[in-house]
Amino acid sequence: MKFNFSAAAFALLLGSTATEAAWIRIRAYNGPPRYDNTVHIGNDGRELALGFLLDGCKNNIGGIKTVCIDNIRARAHVDYHSGIKRCFRRTKSTQGDCDPVCWQWDYTQVNCDW
């Protein structure tokens, strides 16, 4: 039996990208004082704090060139310094009892169509 290293490496790469994707989480916490937090979670699981960003854009945060969240349309996109663009849709919206999380929105990665 011949082992094809290229095919194995490609399959491994395909498997890892299919199961791991970046996402964005916005949370409002109860105080005192009450505060809000937006976080980008990368493909590697590392979190990058974006401060509070509910609607609008921020530039040059870590490896991110631009991150924009459109609250009305429930979508977001991230342009990375590497040239990659990723798009996100709000897929989860939960409301808590404010102990400590009052509400949370999760944006998961989707194909870019805007």
PDB file of N, CA and C in Angstrom:
ATOM      1  N   MET A   1       0.847  -1.169   0.000  1.00  0.00           N
ATOM      2  CA  MET A   1       0.000   0.000   0.000  1.00  0.00           C
ATOM      3  C   MET A   1       0.895   1.237   0.000  1.00  0.00           C
ATOM      4  N   LYS A   2       0.600   2.160  -0.919  1.00  0.00           N
ATOM      5  CA  LYS A   2       1.373   3.400  -1.018  1.00  0.00           C
ATOM      6  C   LYS A   2       0.700   4.489  -0.192  1.00  0.00           C
ATOM      7  N   PHE A   3       1.509   5.231   0.504  1.00  0.00           N
ATOM      8  CA  PHE A   3       1.014   6.347   1.304  1.00  0.00           C
ATOM      9  C   PHE A   3       1.226   7.631   0.526  1.00  0.00           C
ATOM     10  N   ASN A   4       0.169   8.356   0.292  1.00  0.00           N
ATOM     11  CA  ASN A   4       0.253   9.609  -0.437  1.00  0.00           C
ATOM     12  C   ASN A   4       0.222  10.754   0.574  1.00  0.00           C
ATOM     13  N   PHE A   5       1.406  11.297   0.873  1.00  0.00           N
ATOM     14  CA  PHE A   5       1.523  12.352   1.873  1.00  0.00           C
ATOM     15  C   PHE A   5       0.723  13.593   1.483  1.00  0.00           C
ATOM     16  N   SER A   6       0.743  13.969   0.218  1.00  0.00           N
ATOM     17  CA  SER A   6       0.013  15.165  -0.231  1.00  0.00           C
ATOM     18  C   SER A   6      -1.483  15.023   0.002  1.00  0.00           C
ATOM     19  N   ALA A   7      -2.019  13.857  -0.322  1.00  0.00           N
ATOM     20  CA  ALA A   7      -3.452  13.628  -0.138  1.00  0.00           C
ATOM     21  C   ALA A   7      -3.814  13.652   1.343  1.00  0.00           C
ATOM     22  N   ALA A   8      -2.966  13.067   2.184  1.00  0.00           N
ATOM     23  CA  ALA A   8      -3.227  13.052   3.621  1.00  0.00           C
ATOM     24  C   ALA A   8      -3.175  14.464   4.197  1.00  0.00           C
ATOM     25  N   ALA A   9      -2.202  15.250   3.777  1.00  0.00           N
ATOM     26  CA  ALA A   9      -2.080  16.625   4.264  1.00  0.00           C
ATOM     27  C   ALA A   9      -3.282  17.459   3.839  1.00  0.00           C
ATOM     28  N   PHE A  10      -3.734  17.284   2.595  1.00  0.00           N
ATOM     29  CA  PHE A  10      -4.896  18.012   2.095  1.00  0.00           C
ATOM     30  C   PHE A  10      -6.147  17.636   2.877  1.00  0.00           C
ATOM     31  N   ALA A  11      -6.325  16.351   3.154  1.00  0.00           N
ATOM     32  CA  ALA A  11      -7.491  15.897   3.909  1.00  0.00           C
ATOM     33  C   ALA A  11      -7.475  16.469   5.324  1.00  0.00           C
ATOM     34  N   LEU A  12      -6.298  16.504   5.932  1.00  0.00           N
ATOM     35  CA  LEU A  12      -6.171  17.071   7.265  1.00  0.00           C
ATOM     36  C   LEU A  12      -6.504  18.561   7.255  1.00  0.00           C
ATOM     37  N   LEU A  13      -6.003  19.278   6.274  1.00  0.00           N
ATOM     38  CA  LEU A  13      -6.282  20.704   6.142  1.00  0.00           C
ATOM     39  C   LEU A  13      -7.767  20.942   5.929  1.00  0.00           C
ATOM     40  N   LEU A  14      -8.378  20.157   5.074  1.00  0.00           N
ATOM     41  CA  LEU A  14      -9.803  20.295   4.790  1.00  0.00           C
ATOM     42  C   LEU A  14     -10.624  20.044   6.043  1.00  0.00           C
ATOM     43  N   GLY A  15     -10.259  19.014   6.788  1.00  0.00           N
ATOM     44  CA  GLY A  15     -10.988  18.679   8.003  1.00  0.00           C
ATOM     45  C   GLY A  15     -10.900  19.765   9.046  1.00  0.00           C
ATOM     46  N   SER A  16      -9.742  20.367   9.197  1.00  0.00           N
ATOM     47  CA  SER A  16      -9.592  21.376  10.240  1.00  0.00           C
ATOM     48  C   SER A  16     -10.315  22.663   9.888  1.00  0.00           C
ATOM     49  N   THR A  17     -10.368  23.038   8.630  1.00  0.00           N
ATOM     50  CA  THR A  17     -11.053  24.274   8.265  1.00  0.00           C
ATOM     51  C   THR A  17     -12.562  24.094   8.264  1.00  0.00           C
ATOM     52  N   ALA A  18     -13.021  22.885   8.029  1.00  0.00           N
ATOM     53  CA  ALA A  18     -14.457  22.656   7.988  1.00  0.00           C
ATOM     54  C   ALA A  18     -15.070  22.688   9.385  1.00  0.00           C
ATOM     55  N   THR A  19     -14.293  22.316  10.419  1.00  0.00           N
ATOM     56  CA  THR A  19     -14.858  22.237  11.755  1.00  0.00           C
ATOM     57  C   THR A  19     -14.579  23.476  12.592  1.00  0.00           C
ATOM     58  N   GLU A  20     -13.618  24.278  12.204  1.00  0.00           N
ATOM     59  CA  GLU A  20     -13.258  25.451  12.989  1.00  0.00           C
ATOM     60  C   GLU A  20     -13.500  26.701  12.161  1.00  0.00           C
ATOM     61  N   ALA A  21     -14.251  27.613  12.714  1.00  0.00           N
ATOM     62  CA  ALA A  21     -14.514  28.859  12.006  1.00  0.00           C
ATOM     63  C   ALA A  21     -14.515  30.008  12.999  1.00  0.00           C
ATOM     64  N   ALA A  22     -14.164  31.164  12.518  1.00  0.00           N
ATOM     65  CA  ALA A  22     -14.182  32.361  13.357  1.00  0.00           C
ATOM     66  C   ALA A  22     -15.626  32.743  13.662  1.00  0.00           C
ATOM     67  N   TRP A  23     -15.828  33.474  14.746  1.00  0.00           N
ATOM     68  CA  TRP A  23     -17.153  33.986  15.078  1.00  0.00           C
ATOM     69  C   TRP A  23     -17.016  35.216  15.956  1.00  0.00           C
ATOM     70  N   ILE A  24     -18.130  35.914  16.144  1.00  0.00           N
ATOM     71  CA  ILE A  24     -18.167  37.152  16.919  1.00  0.00           C
ATOM     72  C   ILE A  24     -19.250  37.012  17.983  1.00  0.00           C
ATOM     73  N   ARG A  25     -18.952  37.478  19.204  1.00  0.00           N
ATOM     74  CA  ARG A  25     -19.933  37.442  20.294  1.00  0.00           C
ATOM     75  C   ARG A  25     -20.046  38.842  20.896  1.00  0.00           C
ATOM     76  N   ILE A  26     -21.291  39.291  21.077  1.00  0.00           N
ATOM     77  CA  ILE A  26     -21.568  40.567  21.742  1.00  0.00           C
ATOM     78  C   ILE A  26     -22.364  40.249  23.004  1.00  0.00           C
ATOM     79  N   ARG A  27     -21.909  40.766  24.139  1.00  0.00           N
ATOM     80  CA  ARG A  27     -22.601  40.530  25.407  1.00  0.00           C
ATOM     81  C   ARG A  27     -22.813  41.837  26.160  1.00  0.00           C
ATOM     82  N   ALA A  28     -23.944  41.919  26.849  1.00  0.00           N
ATOM     83  CA  ALA A  28     -24.205  43.010  27.787  1.00  0.00           C
ATOM     84  C   ALA A  28     -24.234  42.392  29.179  1.00  0.00           C
ATOM     85  N   TYR A  29     -23.399  42.908  30.058  1.00  0.00           N
ATOM     86  CA  TYR A  29     -23.291  42.394  31.423  1.00  0.00           C
ATOM     87  C   TYR A  29     -23.937  43.355  32.407  1.00  0.00           C
ATOM     88  N   ASN A  30     -24.481  42.782  33.484  1.00  0.00           N
ATOM     89  CA  ASN A  30     -25.018  43.582  34.567  1.00  0.00           C
ATOM     90  C   ASN A  30     -23.864  44.115  35.403  1.00  0.00           C
ATOM     91  N   GLY A  31     -24.025  45.265  36.004  1.00  0.00           N
ATOM     92  CA  GLY A  31     -22.967  45.904  36.774  1.00  0.00           C
ATOM     93  C   GLY A  31     -22.922  45.442  38.209  1.00  0.00           C
ATOM     94  N   PRO A  32     -22.519  46.266  39.111  1.00  0.00           N
ATOM     95  CA  PRO A  32     -22.192  47.646  38.799  1.00  0.00           C
ATOM     96  C   PRO A  32     -20.748  47.786  38.343  1.00  0.00           C
ATOM     97  N   PRO A  33     -20.443  48.652  37.426  1.00  0.00           N
ATOM     98  CA  PRO A  33     -21.383  49.269  36.484  1.00  0.00           C
ATOM     99  C   PRO A  33     -21.704  48.297  35.353  1.00  0.00           C
ATOM    100  N   ARG A  34     -22.814  48.507  34.674  1.00  0.00           N
ATOM    101  CA  ARG A  34     -23.166  47.679  33.526  1.00  0.00           C
ATOM    102  C   ARG A  34     -22.164  47.951  32.416  1.00  0.00           C
ATOM    103  N   TYR A  35     -21.740  46.898  31.729  1.00  0.00           N
ATOM    104  CA  TYR A  35     -20.821  47.104  30.610  1.00  0.00           C
ATOM    105  C   TYR A  35     -21.123  46.125  29.489  1.00  0.00           C
ATOM    106  N   ASP A  36     -20.693  46.472  28.299  1.00  0.00           N
ATOM    107  CA  ASP A  36     -20.910  45.663  27.106  1.00  0.00           C
ATOM    108  C   ASP A  36     -19.557  45.268  26.538  1.00  0.00           C
ATOM    109  N   ASN A  37     -19.529  44.141  25.843  1.00  0.00           N
ATOM    110  CA  ASN A  37     -18.273  43.626  25.335  1.00  0.00           C
ATOM    111  C   ASN A  37     -18.496  42.911  24.012  1.00  0.00           C
ATOM    112  N   THR A  38     -17.644  43.184  23.036  1.00  0.00           N
ATOM    113  CA  THR A  38     -17.673  42.499  21.752  1.00  0.00           C
ATOM    114  C   THR A  38     -16.334  41.802  21.579  1.00  0.00           C
ATOM    115  N   VAL A  39     -16.382  40.523  21.192  1.00  0.00           N
ATOM    116  CA  VAL A  39     -15.176  39.710  21.074  1.00  0.00           C
ATOM    117  C   VAL A  39     -15.180  38.993  19.731  1.00  0.00           C
ATOM    118  N   HIS A  40     -14.030  38.957  19.069  1.00  0.00           N
ATOM    119  CA  HIS A  40     -13.827  38.156  17.862  1.00  0.00           C
ATOM    120  C   HIS A  40     -13.083  36.903  18.296  1.00  0.00           C
ATOM    121  N   ILE A  41     -13.632  35.736  17.978  1.00  0.00           N
ATOM    122  CA  ILE A  41     -12.973  34.471  18.282  1.00  0.00           C
ATOM    123  C   ILE A  41     -12.461  33.912  16.963  1.00  0.00           C
ATOM    124  N   GLY A  42     -11.154  33.782  16.838  1.00  0.00           N
ATOM    125  CA  GLY A  42     -10.538  33.348  15.589  1.00  0.00           C
ATOM    126  C   GLY A  42     -10.641  31.858  15.357  1.00  0.00           C
ATOM    127  N   ASN A  43     -10.216  31.416  14.166  1.00  0.00           N
ATOM    128  CA  ASN A  43     -10.208  29.998  13.823  1.00  0.00           C
ATOM    129  C   ASN A  43      -9.403  29.181  14.823  1.00  0.00           C
ATOM    130  N   ASP A  44      -8.411  29.803  15.446  1.00  0.00           N
ATOM    131  CA  ASP A  44      -7.555  29.112  16.410  1.00  0.00           C
ATOM    132  C   ASP A  44      -8.125  29.148  17.824  1.00  0.00           C
ATOM    133  N   GLY A  45      -9.301  29.753  18.011  1.00  0.00           N
ATOM    134  CA  GLY A  45      -9.936  29.814  19.317  1.00  0.00           C
ATOM    135  C   GLY A  45      -9.502  30.998  20.169  1.00  0.00           C
ATOM    136  N   ARG A  46      -8.535  31.764  19.684  1.00  0.00           N
ATOM    137  CA  ARG A  46      -8.071  32.917  20.462  1.00  0.00           C
ATOM    138  C   ARG A  46      -9.080  34.054  20.379  1.00  0.00           C
ATOM    139  N   GLU A  47      -9.278  34.718  21.511  1.00  0.00           N
ATOM    140  CA  GLU A  47     -10.225  35.828  21.591  1.00  0.00           C
ATOM    141  C   GLU A  47      -9.504  37.157  21.439  1.00  0.00           C
ATOM    142  N   LEU A  48     -10.130  38.049  20.696  1.00  0.00           N
ATOM    143  CA  LEU A  48      -9.611  39.396  20.512  1.00  0.00           C
ATOM    144  C   LEU A  48     -10.705  40.374  20.926  1.00  0.00           C
ATOM    145  N   ALA A  49     -10.472  41.105  22.005  1.00  0.00           N
ATOM    146  CA  ALA A  49     -11.459  42.066  22.502  1.00  0.00           C
ATOM    147  C   ALA A  49     -11.564  43.243  21.545  1.00  0.00           C
ATOM    148  N   LEU A  50     -12.784  43.585  21.167  1.00  0.00           N
ATOM    149  CA  LEU A  50     -13.044  44.694  20.251  1.00  0.00           C
ATOM    150  C   LEU A  50     -13.652  45.890  20.975  1.00  0.00           C
ATOM    151  N   GLY A  51     -13.717  45.831  22.310  1.00  0.00           N
ATOM    152  CA  GLY A  51     -14.429  46.867  23.041  1.00  0.00           C
ATOM    153  C   GLY A  51     -15.914  46.662  22.803  1.00  0.00           C
ATOM    154  N   PHE A  52     -16.698  47.691  22.917  1.00  0.00           N
ATOM    155  CA  PHE A  52     -18.112  47.539  22.600  1.00  0.00           C
ATOM    156  C   PHE A  52     -18.348  47.994  21.176  1.00  0.00           C
ATOM    157  N   LEU A  53     -18.845  47.092  20.375  1.00  0.00           N
ATOM    158  CA  LEU A  53     -19.176  47.396  18.984  1.00  0.00           C
ATOM    159  C   LEU A  53     -20.495  46.720  18.667  1.00  0.00           C
ATOM    160  N   LEU A  54     -21.557  47.480  18.628  1.00  0.00           N
ATOM    161  CA  LEU A  54     -22.883  46.957  18.324  1.00  0.00           C
ATOM    162  C   LEU A  54     -23.277  47.286  16.892  1.00  0.00           C
ATOM    163  N   ASP A  55     -22.858  48.444  16.420  1.00  0.00           N
ATOM    164  CA  ASP A  55     -23.228  48.884  15.081  1.00  0.00           C
ATOM    165  C   ASP A  55     -22.152  49.860  14.603  1.00  0.00           C
ATOM    166  N   GLY A  56     -21.584  49.588  13.443  1.00  0.00           N
ATOM    167  CA  GLY A  56     -20.537  50.450  12.917  1.00  0.00           C
ATOM    168  C   GLY A  56     -19.253  49.673  12.683  1.00  0.00           C
ATOM    169  N   CYS A  57     -18.141  50.391  12.563  1.00  0.00           N
ATOM    170  CA  CYS A  57     -16.856  49.774  12.219  1.00  0.00           C
ATOM    171  C   CYS A  57     -15.754  50.226  13.172  1.00  0.00           C
ATOM    172  N   LYS A  58     -14.743  49.385  13.305  1.00  0.00           N
ATOM    173  CA  LYS A  58     -13.507  49.719  14.009  1.00  0.00           C
ATOM    174  C   LYS A  58     -12.349  49.264  13.136  1.00  0.00           C
ATOM    175  N   ASN A  59     -11.223  49.962  13.252  1.00  0.00           N
ATOM    176  CA  ASN A  59     -10.058  49.674  12.414  1.00  0.00           C
ATOM    177  C   ASN A  59      -8.833  49.333  13.255  1.00  0.00           C
ATOM    178  N   ASN A  60      -7.968  48.514  12.644  1.00  0.00           N
ATOM    179  CA  ASN A  60      -6.641  48.203  13.189  1.00  0.00           C
ATOM    180  C   ASN A  60      -6.663  47.725  14.633  1.00  0.00           C
ATOM    181  N   ILE A  61      -7.286  46.578  14.834  1.00  0.00           N
ATOM    182  CA  ILE A  61      -7.290  45.928  16.145  1.00  0.00           C
ATOM    183  C   ILE A  61      -6.626  44.566  15.971  1.00  0.00           C
ATOM    184  N   GLY A  62      -5.453  44.399  16.540  1.00  0.00           N
ATOM    185  CA  GLY A  62      -4.738  43.131  16.398  1.00  0.00           C
ATOM    186  C   GLY A  62      -4.495  42.822  14.933  1.00  0.00           C
ATOM    187  N   GLY A  63      -4.839  41.615  14.502  1.00  0.00           N
ATOM    188  CA  GLY A  63      -4.662  41.207  13.113  1.00  0.00           C
ATOM    189  C   GLY A  63      -5.808  41.626  12.214  1.00  0.00           C
ATOM    190  N   ILE A  64      -6.737  42.403  12.758  1.00  0.00           N
ATOM    191  CA  ILE A  64      -7.916  42.824  12.003  1.00  0.00           C
ATOM    192  C   ILE A  64      -7.694  44.220  11.437  1.00  0.00           C
ATOM    193  N   LYS A  65      -7.885  44.334  10.124  1.00  0.00           N
ATOM    194  CA  LYS A  65      -7.794  45.638   9.459  1.00  0.00           C
ATOM    195  C   LYS A  65      -9.061  46.440   9.729  1.00  0.00           C
ATOM    196  N   THR A  66     -10.234  45.810   9.469  1.00  0.00           N
ATOM    197  CA  THR A  66     -11.530  46.450   9.690  1.00  0.00           C
ATOM    198  C   THR A  66     -12.541  45.404  10.137  1.00  0.00           C
ATOM    199  N   VAL A  67     -13.331  45.726  11.143  1.00  0.00           N
ATOM    200  CA  VAL A  67     -14.464  44.898  11.541  1.00  0.00           C
ATOM    201  C   VAL A  67     -15.690  45.800  11.541  1.00  0.00           C
ATOM    202  N   CYS A  68     -16.745  45.353  10.869  1.00  0.00           N
ATOM    203  CA  CYS A  68     -17.988  46.125  10.787  1.00  0.00           C
ATOM    204  C   CYS A  68     -19.160  45.244  11.193  1.00  0.00           C
ATOM    205  N   ILE A  69     -20.035  45.789  12.023  1.00  0.00           N
ATOM    206  CA  ILE A  69     -21.249  45.095  12.427  1.00  0.00           C
ATOM    207  C   ILE A  69     -22.434  45.952  12.016  1.00  0.00           C
ATOM    208  N   ASP A  70     -23.366  45.332  11.299  1.00  0.00           N
ATOM    209  CA  ASP A  70     -24.601  45.983  10.869  1.00  0.00           C
ATOM    210  C   ASP A  70     -25.726  45.369  11.694  1.00  0.00           C
ATOM    211  N   ASN A  71     -26.073  46.025  12.791  1.00  0.00           N
ATOM    212  CA  ASN A  71     -27.045  45.482  13.731  1.00  0.00           C
ATOM    213  C   ASN A  71     -28.424  45.315  13.100  1.00  0.00           C
ATOM    214  N   ILE A  72     -28.858  46.260  12.291  1.00  0.00           N
ATOM    215  CA  ILE A  72     -30.188  46.203  11.668  1.00  0.00           C
ATOM    216  C   ILE A  72     -30.315  44.980  10.758  1.00  0.00           C
ATOM    217  N   ARG A  73     -29.287  44.698   9.978  1.00  0.00           N
ATOM    218  CA  ARG A  73     -29.318  43.570   9.041  1.00  0.00           C
ATOM    219  C   ARG A  73     -28.778  42.274   9.654  1.00  0.00           C
ATOM    220  N   ALA A  74     -28.387  42.318  10.911  1.00  0.00           N
ATOM    221  CA  ALA A  74     -27.895  41.142  11.649  1.00  0.00           C
ATOM    222  C   ALA A  74     -26.731  40.465  10.933  1.00  0.00           C
ATOM    223  N   ARG A  75     -25.757  41.275  10.505  1.00  0.00           N
ATOM    224  CA  ARG A  75     -24.603  40.730   9.794  1.00  0.00           C
ATOM    225  C   ARG A  75     -23.345  41.512  10.167  1.00  0.00           C
ATOM    226  N   ALA A  76     -22.214  40.938   9.829  1.00  0.00           N
ATOM    227  CA  ALA A  76     -20.929  41.571  10.112  1.00  0.00           C
ATOM    228  C   ALA A  76     -19.911  41.069   9.101  1.00  0.00           C
ATOM    229  N   HIS A  77     -18.802  41.794   8.980  1.00  0.00           N
ATOM    230  CA  HIS A  77     -17.685  41.296   8.181  1.00  0.00           C
ATOM    231  C   HIS A  77     -16.374  41.774   8.791  1.00  0.00           C
ATOM    232  N   VAL A  78     -15.345  40.982   8.551  1.00  0.00           N
ATOM    233  CA  VAL A  78     -14.011  41.287   9.052  1.00  0.00           C
ATOM    234  C   VAL A  78     -13.045  41.225   7.887  1.00  0.00           C
ATOM    235  N   ASP A  79     -12.272  42.279   7.703  1.00  0.00           N
ATOM    236  CA  ASP A  79     -11.162  42.294   6.749  1.00  0.00           C
ATOM    237  C   ASP A  79      -9.883  42.200   7.571  1.00  0.00           C
ATOM    238  N   TYR A  80      -9.106  41.140   7.314  1.00  0.00           N
ATOM    239  CA  TYR A  80      -7.866  40.924   8.050  1.00  0.00           C
ATOM    240  C   TYR A  80      -6.700  41.567   7.305  1.00  0.00           C
ATOM    241  N   HIS A  81      -5.640  41.893   8.027  1.00  0.00           N
ATOM    242  CA  HIS A  81      -4.448  42.464   7.403  1.00  0.00           C
ATOM    243  C   HIS A  81      -3.853  41.513   6.368  1.00  0.00           C
ATOM    244  N   SER A  82      -4.131  40.220   6.489  1.00  0.00           N
ATOM    245  CA  SER A  82      -3.606  39.225   5.545  1.00  0.00           C
ATOM    246  C   SER A  82      -4.299  39.287   4.188  1.00  0.00           C
ATOM    247  N   GLY A  83      -5.396  40.063   4.079  1.00  0.00           N
ATOM    248  CA  GLY A  83      -6.137  40.166   2.824  1.00  0.00           C
ATOM    249  C   GLY A  83      -7.390  39.301   2.800  1.00  0.00           C
ATOM    250  N   ILE A  84      -7.587  38.471   3.803  1.00  0.00           N
ATOM    251  CA  ILE A  84      -8.763  37.606   3.875  1.00  0.00           C
ATOM    252  C   ILE A  84      -9.951  38.417   4.387  1.00  0.00           C
ATOM    253  N   LYS A  85     -11.143  38.146   3.821  1.00  0.00           N
ATOM    254  CA  LYS A  85     -12.385  38.750   4.298  1.00  0.00           C
ATOM    255  C   LYS A  85     -13.301  37.620   4.739  1.00  0.00           C
ATOM    256  N   ARG A  86     -13.903  37.770   5.911  1.00  0.00           N
ATOM    257  CA  ARG A  86     -14.871  36.793   6.399  1.00  0.00           C
ATOM    258  C   ARG A  86     -16.163  37.523   6.730  1.00  0.00           C
ATOM    259  N   CYS A  87     -17.275  36.856   6.448  1.00  0.00           N
ATOM    260  CA  CYS A  87     -18.594  37.427   6.707  1.00  0.00           C
ATOM    261  C   CYS A  87     -19.319  36.592   7.756  1.00  0.00           C
ATOM    262  N   PHE A  88     -20.219  37.244   8.480  1.00  0.00           N
ATOM    263  CA  PHE A  88     -20.908  36.618   9.601  1.00  0.00           C
ATOM    264  C   PHE A  88     -22.375  37.029   9.601  1.00  0.00           C
ATOM    265  N   ARG A  89     -23.233  36.143  10.103  1.00  0.00           N
ATOM    266  CA  ARG A  89     -24.652  36.436  10.316  1.00  0.00           C
ATOM    267  C   ARG A  89     -24.979  36.148  11.772  1.00  0.00           C
ATOM    268  N   ARG A  90     -25.890  36.951  12.334  1.00  0.00           N
ATOM    269  CA  ARG A  90     -26.341  36.678  13.694  1.00  0.00           C
ATOM    270  C   ARG A  90     -27.170  35.403  13.662  1.00  0.00           C
ATOM    271  N   THR A  91     -26.714  34.407  14.385  1.00  0.00           N
ATOM    272  CA  THR A  91     -27.383  33.112  14.371  1.00  0.00           C
ATOM    273  C   THR A  91     -27.960  32.749  15.729  1.00  0.00           C
ATOM    274  N   LYS A  92     -27.619  33.519  16.753  1.00  0.00           N
ATOM    275  CA  LYS A  92     -28.119  33.205  18.083  1.00  0.00           C
ATOM    276  C   LYS A  92     -28.325  34.502  18.854  1.00  0.00           C
ATOM    277  N   SER A  93     -29.472  34.604  19.469  1.00  0.00           N
ATOM    278  CA  SER A  93     -29.779  35.762  20.298  1.00  0.00           C
ATOM    279  C   SER A  93     -30.423  35.245  21.576  1.00  0.00           C
ATOM    280  N   THR A  94     -29.771  35.488  22.706  1.00  0.00           N
ATOM    281  CA  THR A  94     -30.310  34.998  23.970  1.00  0.00           C
ATOM    282  C   THR A  94     -30.429  36.144  24.957  1.00  0.00           C
ATOM    283  N   GLN A  95     -31.435  36.038  25.801  1.00  0.00           N
ATOM    284  CA  GLN A  95     -31.610  37.024  26.856  1.00  0.00           C
ATOM    285  C   GLN A  95     -31.510  36.291  28.182  1.00  0.00           C
ATOM    286  N   GLY A  96     -30.633  36.791  29.043  1.00  0.00           N
ATOM    287  CA  GLY A  96     -30.432  36.168  30.341  1.00  0.00           C
ATOM    288  C   GLY A  96     -31.165  36.905  31.438  1.00  0.00           C
ATOM    289  N   ASP A  97     -30.869  36.503  32.660  1.00  0.00           N
ATOM    290  CA  ASP A  97     -31.500  37.124  33.819  1.00  0.00           C
ATOM    291  C   ASP A  97     -30.623  38.221  34.419  1.00  0.00           C
ATOM    292  N   CYS A  98     -29.614  38.659  33.664  1.00  0.00           N
ATOM    293  CA  CYS A  98     -28.670  39.706  34.083  1.00  0.00           C
ATOM    294  C   CYS A  98     -27.852  39.287  35.298  1.00  0.00           C
ATOM    295  N   ASP A  99     -27.558  38.006  35.394  1.00  0.00           N
ATOM    296  CA  ASP A  99     -26.738  37.516  36.496  1.00  0.00           C
ATOM    297  C   ASP A  99     -25.640  36.605  35.974  1.00  0.00           C
ATOM    298  N   PRO A 100     -24.599  37.078  35.343  1.00  0.00           N
ATOM    299  CA  PRO A 100     -24.295  38.474  35.061  1.00  0.00           C
ATOM    300  C   PRO A 100     -24.652  38.899  33.639  1.00  0.00           C
ATOM    301  N   VAL A 101     -24.967  37.948  32.719  1.00  0.00           N
ATOM    302  CA  VAL A 101     -25.200  38.310  31.317  1.00  0.00           C
ATOM    303  C   VAL A 101     -26.664  38.676  31.105  1.00  0.00           C
ATOM    304  N   CYS A 102     -26.895  39.895  30.571  1.00  0.00           N
ATOM    305  CA  CYS A 102     -28.260  40.337  30.275  1.00  0.00           C
ATOM    306  C   CYS A 102     -28.721  39.844  28.907  1.00  0.00           C
ATOM    307  N   TRP A 103     -27.843  39.939  27.925  1.00  0.00           N
ATOM    308  CA  TRP A 103     -28.156  39.400  26.598  1.00  0.00           C
ATOM    309  C   TRP A 103     -26.878  39.087  25.858  1.00  0.00           C
ATOM    310  N   GLN A 104     -27.023  38.229  24.844  1.00  0.00           N
ATOM    311  CA  GLN A 104     -25.859  37.805  24.062  1.00  0.00           C
ATOM    312  C   GLN A 104     -26.288  37.562  22.621  1.00  0.00           C
ATOM    313  N   TRP A 105     -25.476  38.063  21.690  1.00  0.00           N
ATOM    314  CA  TRP A 105     -25.678  37.800  20.271  1.00  0.00           C
ATOM    315  C   TRP A 105     -24.439  37.106  19.743  1.00  0.00           C
ATOM    316  N   ASP A 106     -24.639  36.003  19.028  1.00  0.00           N
ATOM    317  CA  ASP A 106     -23.536  35.291  18.384  1.00  0.00           C
ATOM    318  C   ASP A 106     -23.669  35.431  16.878  1.00  0.00           C
ATOM    319  N   TYR A 107     -22.571  35.775  16.234  1.00  0.00           N
ATOM    320  CA  TYR A 107     -22.486  35.878  14.779  1.00  0.00           C
ATOM    321  C   TYR A 107     -21.566  34.765  14.306  1.00  0.00           C
ATOM    322  N   THR A 108     -22.065  33.895  13.420  1.00  0.00           N
ATOM    323  CA  THR A 108     -21.244  32.801  12.918  1.00  0.00           C
ATOM    324  C   THR A 108     -20.890  33.040  11.452  1.00  0.00           C
ATOM    325  N   GLN A 109     -19.810  32.422  11.059  1.00  0.00           N
ATOM    326  CA  GLN A 109     -19.249  32.649   9.726  1.00  0.00           C
ATOM    327  C   GLN A 109     -20.147  32.071   8.639  1.00  0.00           C
ATOM    328  N   VAL A 110     -20.339  32.847   7.579  1.00  0.00           N
ATOM    329  CA  VAL A 110     -21.132  32.444   6.413  1.00  0.00           C
ATOM    330  C   VAL A 110     -20.383  32.878   5.158  1.00  0.00           C
ATOM    331  N   ASN A 111     -20.876  32.445   4.006  1.00  0.00           N
ATOM    332  CA  ASN A 111     -20.301  32.924   2.746  1.00  0.00           C
ATOM    333  C   ASN A 111     -20.608  34.406   2.577  1.00  0.00           C
ATOM    334  N   CYS A 112     -19.667  35.132   2.032  1.00  0.00           N
ATOM    335  CA  CYS A 112     -19.858  36.566   1.796  1.00  0.00           C
ATOM    336  C   CYS A 112     -20.754  36.775   0.581  1.00  0.00           C
ATOM    337  N   ASP A 113     -21.871  37.487   0.780  1.00  0.00           N
ATOM    338  CA  ASP A 113     -22.750  37.814  -0.346  1.00  0.00           C
ATOM    339  C   ASP A 113     -23.099  39.299  -0.336  1.00  0.00           C
ATOM    340  N   TRP A 114     -22.300  40.081   0.352  1.00  0.00           N
ATOM    341  CA  TRP A 114     -22.471  41.532   0.365  1.00  0.00           C
ATOM    342  C   TRP A 114     -21.138  42.207   0.327  1.00  0.00           C
TER     343      TRP A 114
END
